PDB file of all heavy atoms in Angstrom:
ATOM      1  N   ILE A   1     112.869 104.669  99.332  1.00  0.00           N
ATOM      2  CA  ILE A   1     111.561 104.027  99.159  1.00  0.00           C
ATOM      3  C   ILE A   1     111.713 102.513  99.162  1.00  0.00           C
ATOM      4  O   ILE A   1     110.958 101.795  99.826  1.00  0.00           O
ATOM      5  CB  ILE A   1     110.884 104.531  97.872  1.00  0.00           C
ATOM      6  CG1 ILE A   1     110.521 106.018  98.015  1.00  0.00           C
ATOM      7  CG2 ILE A   1     109.635 103.700  97.551  1.00  0.00           C
ATOM      8  CD1 ILE A   1     110.039 106.671  96.735  1.00  0.00           C
ATOM      9  N   ASP A   2     112.709 102.006  98.437  1.00  0.00           N
ATOM     10  CA  ASP A   2     112.945 100.557  98.412  1.00  0.00           C
ATOM     11  C   ASP A   2     113.224 100.023  99.821  1.00  0.00           C
ATOM     12  O   ASP A   2     112.749  98.939 100.192  1.00  0.00           O
ATOM     13  CB  ASP A   2     114.136 100.221  97.515  1.00  0.00           C
ATOM     14  CG  ASP A   2     113.841 100.420  96.029  1.00  0.00           C
ATOM     15  OD1 ASP A   2     112.656 100.547  95.664  1.00  0.00           O
ATOM     16  OD2 ASP A   2     114.814 100.444  95.244  1.00  0.00           O
ATOM     17  N   ARG A   3     113.987 100.779 100.609  1.00  0.00           N
ATOM     18  CA  ARG A   3     114.322 100.346 101.975  1.00  0.00           C
ATOM     19  C   ARG A   3     113.070 100.241 102.834  1.00  0.00           C
ATOM     20  O   ARG A   3     112.879  99.263 103.565  1.00  0.00           O
ATOM     21  CB  ARG A   3     115.298 101.339 102.605  1.00  0.00           C
ATOM     22  CG  ARG A   3     115.791 100.939 104.001  1.00  0.00           C
ATOM     23  CD  ARG A   3     116.471 102.072 104.735  1.00  0.00           C
ATOM     24  NE  ARG A   3     115.528 103.064 105.220  1.00  0.00           N
ATOM     25  CZ  ARG A   3     115.444 104.311 104.766  1.00  0.00           C
ATOM     26  NH1 ARG A   3     116.244 104.747 103.820  1.00  0.00           N
ATOM     27  NH2 ARG A   3     114.537 105.148 105.271  1.00  0.00           N
ATOM     28  N   VAL A   4     112.202 101.236 102.725  1.00  0.00           N
ATOM     29  CA  VAL A   4     110.992 101.238 103.539  1.00  0.00           C
ATOM     30  C   VAL A   4     110.046 100.113 103.112  1.00  0.00           C
ATOM     31  O   VAL A   4     109.450  99.434 103.960  1.00  0.00           O
ATOM     32  CB  VAL A   4     110.300 102.614 103.476  1.00  0.00           C
ATOM     33  CG1 VAL A   4     108.885 102.545 104.044  1.00  0.00           C
ATOM     34  CG2 VAL A   4     111.124 103.647 104.239  1.00  0.00           C
ATOM     35  N   VAL A   5     109.906  99.890 101.825  1.00  0.00           N
ATOM     36  CA  VAL A   5     109.063  98.792 101.347  1.00  0.00           C
ATOM     37  C   VAL A   5     109.573  97.462 101.899  1.00  0.00           C
ATOM     38  O   VAL A   5     108.795  96.633 102.404  1.00  0.00           O
ATOM     39  CB  VAL A   5     109.010  98.765  99.813  1.00  0.00           C
ATOM     40  CG1 VAL A   5     108.342  97.487  99.312  1.00  0.00           C
ATOM     41  CG2 VAL A   5     108.263  99.992  99.280  1.00  0.00           C
ATOM     42  N   ALA A   6     110.882  97.258 101.830  1.00  0.00           N
ATOM     43  CA  ALA A   6     111.463  96.025 102.372  1.00  0.00           C
ATOM     44  C   ALA A   6     111.239  95.926 103.873  1.00  0.00           C
ATOM     45  O   ALA A   6     110.996  94.833 104.403  1.00  0.00           O
ATOM     46  CB  ALA A   6     112.959  95.968 102.048  1.00  0.00           C
ATOM     47  N   ALA A   7     111.294  97.060 104.573  1.00  0.00           N
ATOM     48  CA  ALA A   7     111.076  97.060 106.026  1.00  0.00           C
ATOM     49  C   ALA A   7     109.655  96.628 106.368  1.00  0.00           C
ATOM     50  O   ALA A   7     109.434  95.914 107.353  1.00  0.00           O
ATOM     51  CB  ALA A   7     111.367  98.444 106.601  1.00  0.00           C
ATOM     52  N   PHE A   8     108.678  97.049 105.573  1.00  0.00           N
ATOM     53  CA  PHE A   8     107.310  96.594 105.798  1.00  0.00           C
ATOM     54  C   PHE A   8     107.214  95.077 105.626  1.00  0.00           C
ATOM     55  O   PHE A   8     106.556  94.393 106.418  1.00  0.00           O
ATOM     56  CB  PHE A   8     106.336  97.290 104.846  1.00  0.00           C
ATOM     57  CG  PHE A   8     105.745  98.571 105.377  1.00  0.00           C
ATOM     58  CD1 PHE A   8     106.313  99.793 105.065  1.00  0.00           C
ATOM     59  CD2 PHE A   8     104.609  98.545 106.172  1.00  0.00           C
ATOM     60  CE1 PHE A   8     105.766 100.983 105.546  1.00  0.00           C
ATOM     61  CE2 PHE A   8     104.051  99.714 106.659  1.00  0.00           C
ATOM     62  CZ  PHE A   8     104.629 100.945 106.350  1.00  0.00           C
ATOM     63  N   GLY A   9     107.862  94.561 104.589  1.00  0.00           N
ATOM     64  CA  GLY A   9     107.833  93.121 104.379  1.00  0.00           C
ATOM     65  C   GLY A   9     108.483  92.356 105.510  1.00  0.00           C
ATOM     66  O   GLY A   9     107.953  91.333 105.986  1.00  0.00           O
ATOM     67  N   ASP A  10     109.631  92.833 105.980  1.00  0.00           N
ATOM     68  CA  ASP A  10     110.325  92.171 107.086  1.00  0.00           C
ATOM     69  C   ASP A  10     109.496  92.237 108.371  1.00  0.00           C
ATOM     70  O   ASP A  10     109.430  91.258 109.135  1.00  0.00           O
ATOM     71  CB  ASP A  10     111.690  92.823 107.319  1.00  0.00           C
ATOM     72  CG  ASP A  10     112.672  92.573 106.171  1.00  0.00           C
ATOM     73  OD1 ASP A  10     112.414  91.656 105.363  1.00  0.00           O
ATOM     74  OD2 ASP A  10     113.680  93.308 106.092  1.00  0.00           O
ATOM     75  N   ALA A  11     108.875  93.382 108.632  1.00  0.00           N
ATOM     76  CA  ALA A  11     108.042  93.525 109.824  1.00  0.00           C
ATOM     77  C   ALA A  11     106.836  92.591 109.754  1.00  0.00           C
ATOM     78  O   ALA A  11     106.422  92.017 110.774  1.00  0.00           O
ATOM     79  CB  ALA A  11     107.586  94.972 109.983  1.00  0.00           C
ATOM     80  N   ALA A  12     106.273  92.427 108.566  1.00  0.00           N
ATOM     81  CA  ALA A  12     105.145  91.515 108.402  1.00  0.00           C
ATOM     82  C   ALA A  12     105.542  90.090 108.765  1.00  0.00           C
ATOM     83  O   ALA A  12     104.774  89.366 109.413  1.00  0.00           O
ATOM     84  CB  ALA A  12     104.626  91.569 106.970  1.00  0.00           C
ATOM     85  N   ALA A  13     106.735  89.686 108.370  1.00  0.00           N
ATOM     86  CA  ALA A  13     107.211  88.343 108.725  1.00  0.00           C
ATOM     87  C   ALA A  13     107.345  88.203 110.236  1.00  0.00           C
ATOM     88  O   ALA A  13     107.024  87.145 110.801  1.00  0.00           O
ATOM     89  CB  ALA A  13     108.545  88.070 108.041  1.00  0.00           C
ATOM     90  N   ARG A  14     107.796  89.253 110.908  1.00  0.00           N
ATOM     91  CA  ARG A  14     107.965  89.177 112.375  1.00  0.00           C
ATOM     92  C   ARG A  14     106.623  89.093 113.084  1.00  0.00           C
ATOM     93  O   ARG A  14     106.470  88.315 114.029  1.00  0.00           O
ATOM     94  CB  ARG A  14     108.760  90.396 112.856  1.00  0.00           C
ATOM     95  CG  ARG A  14     110.205  90.398 112.375  1.00  0.00           C
ATOM     96  CD  ARG A  14     111.029  91.524 112.977  1.00  0.00           C
ATOM     97  NE  ARG A  14     112.371  91.494 112.400  1.00  0.00           N
ATOM     98  CZ  ARG A  14     112.802  92.313 111.448  1.00  0.00           C
ATOM     99  NH1 ARG A  14     111.995  93.272 110.982  1.00  0.00           N
ATOM    100  NH2 ARG A  14     114.019  92.195 110.966  1.00  0.00           N
ATOM    101  N   VAL A  15     105.646  89.892 112.658  1.00  0.00           N
ATOM    102  CA  VAL A  15     104.360  89.836 113.364  1.00  0.00           C
ATOM    103  C   VAL A  15     103.614  88.547 113.036  1.00  0.00           C
ATOM    104  O   VAL A  15     102.795  88.077 113.833  1.00  0.00           O
ATOM    105  CB  VAL A  15     103.498  91.097 113.118  1.00  0.00           C
ATOM    106  CG1 VAL A  15     104.233  92.342 113.570  1.00  0.00           C
ATOM    107  CG2 VAL A  15     103.035  91.211 111.684  1.00  0.00           C
ATOM    108  N   ALA A  16     103.902  87.960 111.874  1.00  0.00           N
ATOM    109  CA  ALA A  16     103.352  86.630 111.586  1.00  0.00           C
ATOM    110  C   ALA A  16     103.908  85.617 112.580  1.00  0.00           C
ATOM    111  O   ALA A  16     103.162  84.792 113.130  1.00  0.00           O
ATOM    112  CB  ALA A  16     103.689  86.215 110.150  1.00  0.00           C
ATOM    113  N   LYS A  17     105.216  85.676 112.841  1.00  0.00           N
ATOM    114  CA  LYS A  17     105.826  84.780 113.829  1.00  0.00           C
ATOM    115  C   LYS A  17     105.251  85.022 115.222  1.00  0.00           C
ATOM    116  O   LYS A  17     105.131  84.092 116.030  1.00  0.00           O
ATOM    117  CB  LYS A  17     107.341  84.978 113.865  1.00  0.00           C
ATOM    118  CG  LYS A  17     108.076  84.424 112.658  1.00  0.00           C
ATOM    119  CD  LYS A  17     109.571  84.641 112.787  1.00  0.00           C
ATOM    120  CE  LYS A  17     110.304  84.120 111.566  1.00  0.00           C
ATOM    121  NZ  LYS A  17     111.776  84.381 111.647  1.00  0.00           N
ATOM    122  N   ALA A  18     104.875  86.251 115.509  1.00  0.00           N
ATOM    123  CA  ALA A  18     104.308  86.586 116.822  1.00  0.00           C
ATOM    124  C   ALA A  18     102.875  86.090 116.976  1.00  0.00           C
ATOM    125  O   ALA A  18     102.340  86.109 118.087  1.00  0.00           O
ATOM    126  CB  ALA A  18     104.369  88.095 117.040  1.00  0.00           C
ATOM    127  N   GLY A  19     102.236  85.683 115.885  1.00  0.00           N
ATOM    128  CA  GLY A  19     100.897  85.111 115.983  1.00  0.00           C
ATOM    129  C   GLY A  19      99.748  86.036 115.649  1.00  0.00           C
ATOM    130  O   GLY A  19      98.588  85.692 115.898  1.00  0.00           O
ATOM    131  N   PHE A  20     100.040  87.196 115.073  1.00  0.00           N
ATOM    132  CA  PHE A  20      98.939  88.094 114.699  1.00  0.00           C
ATOM    133  C   PHE A  20      98.198  87.536 113.488  1.00  0.00           C
ATOM    134  O   PHE A  20      98.784  86.920 112.603  1.00  0.00           O
ATOM    135  CB  PHE A  20      99.464  89.507 114.433  1.00  0.00           C
ATOM    136  CG  PHE A  20      99.788  90.246 115.695  1.00  0.00           C
ATOM    137  CD1 PHE A  20     101.076  90.263 116.201  1.00  0.00           C
ATOM    138  CD2 PHE A  20      98.791  90.889 116.405  1.00  0.00           C
ATOM    139  CE1 PHE A  20     101.378  90.917 117.390  1.00  0.00           C
ATOM    140  CE2 PHE A  20      99.075  91.550 117.595  1.00  0.00           C
ATOM    141  CZ  PHE A  20     100.369  91.566 118.086  1.00  0.00           C
ATOM    142  N   GLU A  21      96.889  87.778 113.478  1.00  0.00           N
ATOM    143  CA  GLU A  21      96.012  87.211 112.458  1.00  0.00           C
ATOM    144  C   GLU A  21      95.636  88.209 111.361  1.00  0.00           C
ATOM    145  O   GLU A  21      95.121  87.825 110.319  1.00  0.00           O
ATOM    146  CB  GLU A  21      94.741  86.690 113.132  1.00  0.00           C
ATOM    147  CG  GLU A  21      95.022  85.647 114.206  1.00  0.00           C
ATOM    148  CD  GLU A  21      93.854  85.443 115.143  1.00  0.00           C
ATOM    149  OE1 GLU A  21      93.604  86.333 116.002  1.00  0.00           O
ATOM    150  OE2 GLU A  21      93.187  84.402 115.024  1.00  0.00           O
ATOM    151  N   MET A  22      95.839  89.465 111.620  1.00  0.00           N
ATOM    152  CA  MET A  22      95.547  90.525 110.653  1.00  0.00           C
ATOM    153  C   MET A  22      96.600  91.605 110.789  1.00  0.00           C
ATOM    154  O   MET A  22      97.051  91.907 111.895  1.00  0.00           O
ATOM    155  CB  MET A  22      94.149  91.126 110.894  1.00  0.00           C
ATOM    156  CG  MET A  22      93.788  92.296 109.968  1.00  0.00           C
ATOM    157  SD  MET A  22      92.225  93.140 110.411  1.00  0.00           S
ATOM    158  CE  MET A  22      91.012  91.913 109.908  1.00  0.00           C
ATOM    159  N   ILE A  23      96.997  92.182 109.668  1.00  0.00           N
ATOM    160  CA  ILE A  23      97.865  93.364 109.658  1.00  0.00           C
ATOM    161  C   ILE A  23      97.069  94.536 109.107  1.00  0.00           C
ATOM    162  O   ILE A  23      96.396  94.416 108.074  1.00  0.00           O
ATOM    163  CB  ILE A  23      99.127  93.147 108.799  1.00  0.00           C
ATOM    164  CG1 ILE A  23     100.107  92.196 109.492  1.00  0.00           C
ATOM    165  CG2 ILE A  23      99.820  94.481 108.490  1.00  0.00           C
ATOM    166  CD1 ILE A  23     101.315  91.824 108.659  1.00  0.00           C
ATOM    167  N   GLU A  24      97.128  95.654 109.827  1.00  0.00           N
ATOM    168  CA  GLU A  24      96.602  96.905 109.288  1.00  0.00           C
ATOM    169  C   GLU A  24      97.784  97.751 108.838  1.00  0.00           C
ATOM    170  O   GLU A  24      98.691  98.045 109.630  1.00  0.00           O
ATOM    171  CB  GLU A  24      95.784  97.670 110.333  1.00  0.00           C
ATOM    172  CG  GLU A  24      95.298  99.016 109.795  1.00  0.00           C
ATOM    173  CD  GLU A  24      94.354  99.756 110.722  1.00  0.00           C
ATOM    174  OE1 GLU A  24      93.159  99.401 110.747  1.00  0.00           O
ATOM    175  OE2 GLU A  24      94.812 100.685 111.409  1.00  0.00           O
ATOM    176  N   ILE A  25      97.784  98.152 107.580  1.00  0.00           N
ATOM    177  CA  ILE A  25      98.802  99.051 107.039  1.00  0.00           C
ATOM    178  C   ILE A  25      98.342 100.477 107.288  1.00  0.00           C
ATOM    179  O   ILE A  25      97.224 100.853 106.912  1.00  0.00           O
ATOM    180  CB  ILE A  25      99.015  98.790 105.537  1.00  0.00           C
ATOM    181  CG1 ILE A  25      99.568  97.374 105.320  1.00  0.00           C
ATOM    182  CG2 ILE A  25      99.959  99.832 104.937  1.00  0.00           C
ATOM    183  CD1 ILE A  25      99.545  96.928 103.874  1.00  0.00           C
ATOM    184  N   HIS A  26      99.208 101.261 107.947  1.00  0.00           N
ATOM    185  CA  HIS A  26      98.826 102.628 108.319  1.00  0.00           C
ATOM    186  C   HIS A  26      99.024 103.569 107.133  1.00  0.00           C
ATOM    187  O   HIS A  26     100.136 103.973 106.819  1.00  0.00           O
ATOM    188  CB  HIS A  26      99.680 103.083 109.502  1.00  0.00           C
ATOM    189  CG  HIS A  26      99.099 104.236 110.266  1.00  0.00           C
ATOM    190  ND1 HIS A  26      98.028 104.973 109.816  1.00  0.00           N
ATOM    191  CD2 HIS A  26      99.446 104.791 111.471  1.00  0.00           C
ATOM    192  CE1 HIS A  26      97.743 105.926 110.693  1.00  0.00           C
ATOM    193  NE2 HIS A  26      98.580 105.828 111.703  1.00  0.00           N
ATOM    194  N   GLY A  27      97.911 103.918 106.510  1.00  0.00           N
ATOM    195  CA  GLY A  27      97.951 104.869 105.403  1.00  0.00           C
ATOM    196  C   GLY A  27      97.171 106.128 105.715  1.00  0.00           C
ATOM    197  O   GLY A  27      96.611 106.750 104.812  1.00  0.00           O
ATOM    198  N   ALA A  28      97.160 106.517 107.000  1.00  0.00           N
ATOM    199  CA  ALA A  28      96.340 107.657 107.429  1.00  0.00           C
ATOM    200  C   ALA A  28      97.138 108.653 108.262  1.00  0.00           C
ATOM    201  O   ALA A  28      98.312 108.452 108.561  1.00  0.00           O
ATOM    202  CB  ALA A  28      95.135 107.151 108.235  1.00  0.00           C
ATOM    203  N   HIS A  29      96.490 109.751 108.591  1.00  0.00           N
ATOM    204  CA  HIS A  29      96.873 110.695 109.651  1.00  0.00           C
ATOM    205  C   HIS A  29      98.203 111.414 109.426  1.00  0.00           C
ATOM    206  O   HIS A  29      98.852 111.847 110.373  1.00  0.00           O
ATOM    207  CB  HIS A  29      96.885 109.985 111.014  1.00  0.00           C
ATOM    208  CG  HIS A  29      95.566 109.401 111.367  1.00  0.00           C
ATOM    209  ND1 HIS A  29      95.409 108.407 112.299  1.00  0.00           N
ATOM    210  CD2 HIS A  29      94.314 109.675 110.897  1.00  0.00           C
ATOM    211  CE1 HIS A  29      94.137 108.068 112.388  1.00  0.00           C
ATOM    212  NE2 HIS A  29      93.451 108.830 111.538  1.00  0.00           N
ATOM    213  N   GLY A  30      98.603 111.553 108.175  1.00  0.00           N
ATOM    214  CA  GLY A  30      99.790 112.336 107.878  1.00  0.00           C
ATOM    215  C   GLY A  30     101.099 111.616 108.101  1.00  0.00           C
ATOM    216  O   GLY A  30     102.158 112.253 108.086  1.00  0.00           O
ATOM    217  N   TYR A  31     101.047 110.298 108.300  1.00  0.00           N
ATOM    218  CA  TYR A  31     102.280 109.518 108.383  1.00  0.00           C
ATOM    219  C   TYR A  31     102.717 109.155 106.964  1.00  0.00           C
ATOM    220  O   TYR A  31     102.139 109.634 105.991  1.00  0.00           O
ATOM    221  CB  TYR A  31     102.075 108.330 109.318  1.00  0.00           C
ATOM    222  CG  TYR A  31     101.694 108.789 110.719  1.00  0.00           C
ATOM    223  CD1 TYR A  31     100.455 108.492 111.271  1.00  0.00           C
ATOM    224  CD2 TYR A  31     102.565 109.594 111.462  1.00  0.00           C
ATOM    225  CE1 TYR A  31     100.093 108.953 112.536  1.00  0.00           C
ATOM    226  CE2 TYR A  31     102.213 110.060 112.730  1.00  0.00           C
ATOM    227  CZ  TYR A  31     100.980 109.739 113.256  1.00  0.00           C
ATOM    228  OH  TYR A  31     100.635 110.207 114.497  1.00  0.00           O
ATOM    229  N   LEU A  32     103.753 108.352 106.815  1.00  0.00           N
ATOM    230  CA  LEU A  32     104.461 108.289 105.530  1.00  0.00           C
ATOM    231  C   LEU A  32     103.561 107.943 104.342  1.00  0.00           C
ATOM    232  O   LEU A  32     103.535 108.684 103.346  1.00  0.00           O
ATOM    233  CB  LEU A  32     105.616 107.287 105.611  1.00  0.00           C
ATOM    234  CG  LEU A  32     106.493 107.277 104.355  1.00  0.00           C
ATOM    235  CD1 LEU A  32     107.240 108.590 104.195  1.00  0.00           C
ATOM    236  CD2 LEU A  32     107.464 106.111 104.384  1.00  0.00           C
ATOM    237  N   ILE A  33     102.849 106.825 104.411  1.00  0.00           N
ATOM    238  CA  ILE A  33     102.038 106.435 103.252  1.00  0.00           C
ATOM    239  C   ILE A  33     100.974 107.490 102.975  1.00  0.00           C
ATOM    240  O   ILE A  33     100.685 107.823 101.816  1.00  0.00           O
ATOM    241  CB  ILE A  33     101.419 105.046 103.487  1.00  0.00           C
ATOM    242  CG1 ILE A  33     102.520 103.977 103.514  1.00  0.00           C
ATOM    243  CG2 ILE A  33     100.390 104.715 102.399  1.00  0.00           C
ATOM    244  CD1 ILE A  33     102.041 102.586 103.909  1.00  0.00           C
ATOM    245  N   SER A  34     100.403 108.034 104.036  1.00  0.00           N
ATOM    246  CA  SER A  34      99.388 109.080 103.902  1.00  0.00           C
ATOM    247  C   SER A  34      99.930 110.307 103.181  1.00  0.00           C
ATOM    248  O   SER A  34      99.234 110.913 102.355  1.00  0.00           O
ATOM    249  CB  SER A  34      98.878 109.459 105.295  1.00  0.00           C
ATOM    250  OG  SER A  34      97.972 110.536 105.253  1.00  0.00           O
ATOM    251  N   THR A  35     101.177 110.680 103.474  1.00  0.00           N
ATOM    252  CA  THR A  35     101.740 111.863 102.810  1.00  0.00           C
ATOM    253  C   THR A  35     102.022 111.590 101.337  1.00  0.00           C
ATOM    254  O   THR A  35     101.938 112.512 100.512  1.00  0.00           O
ATOM    255  CB  THR A  35     103.021 112.352 103.508  1.00  0.00           C
ATOM    256  OG1 THR A  35     103.948 111.273 103.654  1.00  0.00           O
ATOM    257  CG2 THR A  35     102.718 112.942 104.872  1.00  0.00           C
ATOM    258  N   PHE A  36     102.360 110.357 100.990  1.00  0.00           N
ATOM    259  CA  PHE A  36     102.489 110.022  99.565  1.00  0.00           C
ATOM    260  C   PHE A  36     101.141 110.154  98.862  1.00  0.00           C
ATOM    261  O   PHE A  36     101.076 110.553  97.693  1.00  0.00           O
ATOM    262  CB  PHE A  36     103.037 108.605  99.388  1.00  0.00           C
ATOM    263  CG  PHE A  36     104.547 108.558  99.285  1.00  0.00           C
ATOM    264  CD1 PHE A  36     105.331 108.542 100.434  1.00  0.00           C
ATOM    265  CD2 PHE A  36     105.179 108.542  98.050  1.00  0.00           C
ATOM    266  CE1 PHE A  36     106.716 108.501 100.348  1.00  0.00           C
ATOM    267  CE2 PHE A  36     106.561 108.504  97.955  1.00  0.00           C
ATOM    268  CZ  PHE A  36     107.335 108.479  99.104  1.00  0.00           C
ATOM    269  N   MET A  37     100.066 109.839  99.564  1.00  0.00           N
ATOM    270  CA  MET A  37      98.745 109.863  98.940  1.00  0.00           C
ATOM    271  C   MET A  37      98.164 111.273  98.812  1.00  0.00           C
ATOM    272  O   MET A  37      97.295 111.516  97.972  1.00  0.00           O
ATOM    273  CB  MET A  37      97.783 108.974  99.742  1.00  0.00           C
ATOM    274  CG  MET A  37      98.152 107.495  99.699  1.00  0.00           C
ATOM    275  SD  MET A  37      97.117 106.435 100.751  1.00  0.00           S
ATOM    276  CE  MET A  37      95.581 106.415  99.814  1.00  0.00           C
ATOM    277  N   SER A  38      98.635 112.213  99.640  1.00  0.00           N
ATOM    278  CA  SER A  38      98.039 113.553  99.661  1.00  0.00           C
ATOM    279  C   SER A  38      98.807 114.545  98.791  1.00  0.00           C
ATOM    280  O   SER A  38     100.028 114.703  98.943  1.00  0.00           O
ATOM    281  CB  SER A  38      97.998 114.086 101.093  1.00  0.00           C
ATOM    282  OG  SER A  38      97.545 115.430 101.085  1.00  0.00           O
ATOM    283  N   PRO A  39      98.110 115.293  97.941  1.00  0.00           N
ATOM    284  CA  PRO A  39      98.791 116.323  97.138  1.00  0.00           C
ATOM    285  C   PRO A  39      99.305 117.485  97.979  1.00  0.00           C
ATOM    286  O   PRO A  39     100.140 118.261  97.508  1.00  0.00           O
ATOM    287  CB  PRO A  39      97.711 116.780  96.161  1.00  0.00           C
ATOM    288  CG  PRO A  39      96.417 116.485  96.867  1.00  0.00           C
ATOM    289  CD  PRO A  39      96.667 115.230  97.649  1.00  0.00           C
ATOM    290  N   LEU A  40      98.855 117.595  99.234  1.00  0.00           N
ATOM    291  CA  LEU A  40      99.369 118.663 100.094  1.00  0.00           C
ATOM    292  C   LEU A  40     100.813 118.394 100.518  1.00  0.00           C
ATOM    293  O   LEU A  40     101.571 119.338 100.765  1.00  0.00           O
ATOM    294  CB  LEU A  40      98.498 118.793 101.346  1.00  0.00           C
ATOM    295  CG  LEU A  40      97.026 119.143 101.131  1.00  0.00           C
ATOM    296  CD1 LEU A  40      96.297 119.150 102.465  1.00  0.00           C
ATOM    297  CD2 LEU A  40      96.885 120.487 100.427  1.00  0.00           C
ATOM    298  N   ALA A  41     101.189 117.138 100.613  1.00  0.00           N
ATOM    299  CA  ALA A  41     102.528 116.772 101.079  1.00  0.00           C
ATOM    300  C   ALA A  41     103.393 116.178  99.980  1.00  0.00           C
ATOM    301  O   ALA A  41     104.621 116.166 100.102  1.00  0.00           O
ATOM    302  CB  ALA A  41     102.414 115.758 102.226  1.00  0.00           C
TER     303      ALA A  41
END
């Protein structure tokens, strides 16, 4: 979990350098954050 959290932070720094103005964090559709949020997974 610590590794993945750090990876999100590092990726955010890279897309900031690339010039993106907004980041959407994917917490849907059965991917990792979504599965943490759902009692089914």
